[in-house]
């Protein structure tokens, strides 16, 4: 099947959001807040 532009944009935004969440989790569990 053909992937529409909206699907590509949505997938890109989702992966960026996941990366941001992972970065925030890493920051929250880092030594700074211990």
Protein backbone atom coordinates (compact mmCIF):
# COMPACT_ATOMS: atom_id res chain seq x y z
CA UNK A 1 0.00 0.00 0.00
CA UNK A 2 0.96 3.60 -0.57
CA UNK A 3 1.87 5.66 2.49
CA UNK A 4 0.24 9.08 2.45
CA UNK A 5 2.06 12.28 3.35
CA UNK A 6 -0.07 12.62 6.48
CA UNK A 7 0.96 9.14 7.61
CA UNK A 8 4.65 9.92 7.08
CA UNK A 9 4.34 13.21 8.98
CA UNK A 10 2.37 11.52 11.78
CA UNK A 11 4.96 8.76 12.11
CA UNK A 12 7.78 11.31 12.21
CA UNK A 13 6.03 13.32 14.92
CA UNK A 14 5.34 10.15 16.89
CA UNK A 15 8.97 9.03 16.81
CA UNK A 16 10.11 12.53 17.83
CA UNK A 17 7.61 12.44 20.71
CA UNK A 18 8.88 9.02 21.80
CA UNK A 19 12.48 10.26 21.65
CA UNK A 20 11.53 13.29 23.75
CA UNK A 21 9.79 11.08 26.31
CA UNK A 22 12.79 8.76 26.49
CA UNK A 23 15.09 11.76 26.97
CA UNK A 24 12.86 13.10 29.74
CA UNK A 25 12.83 9.72 31.49
CA UNK A 26 16.63 9.57 31.28
CA UNK A 27 16.86 13.10 32.71
CA UNK A 28 14.41 12.31 35.53
CA UNK A 29 16.33 9.19 36.55
CA UNK A 30 19.71 10.90 36.28
CA UNK A 31 21.96 11.91 39.19
CA UNK A 32 20.68 15.51 39.26
CA UNK A 33 17.42 14.68 41.07
CA UNK A 34 18.82 11.99 43.35
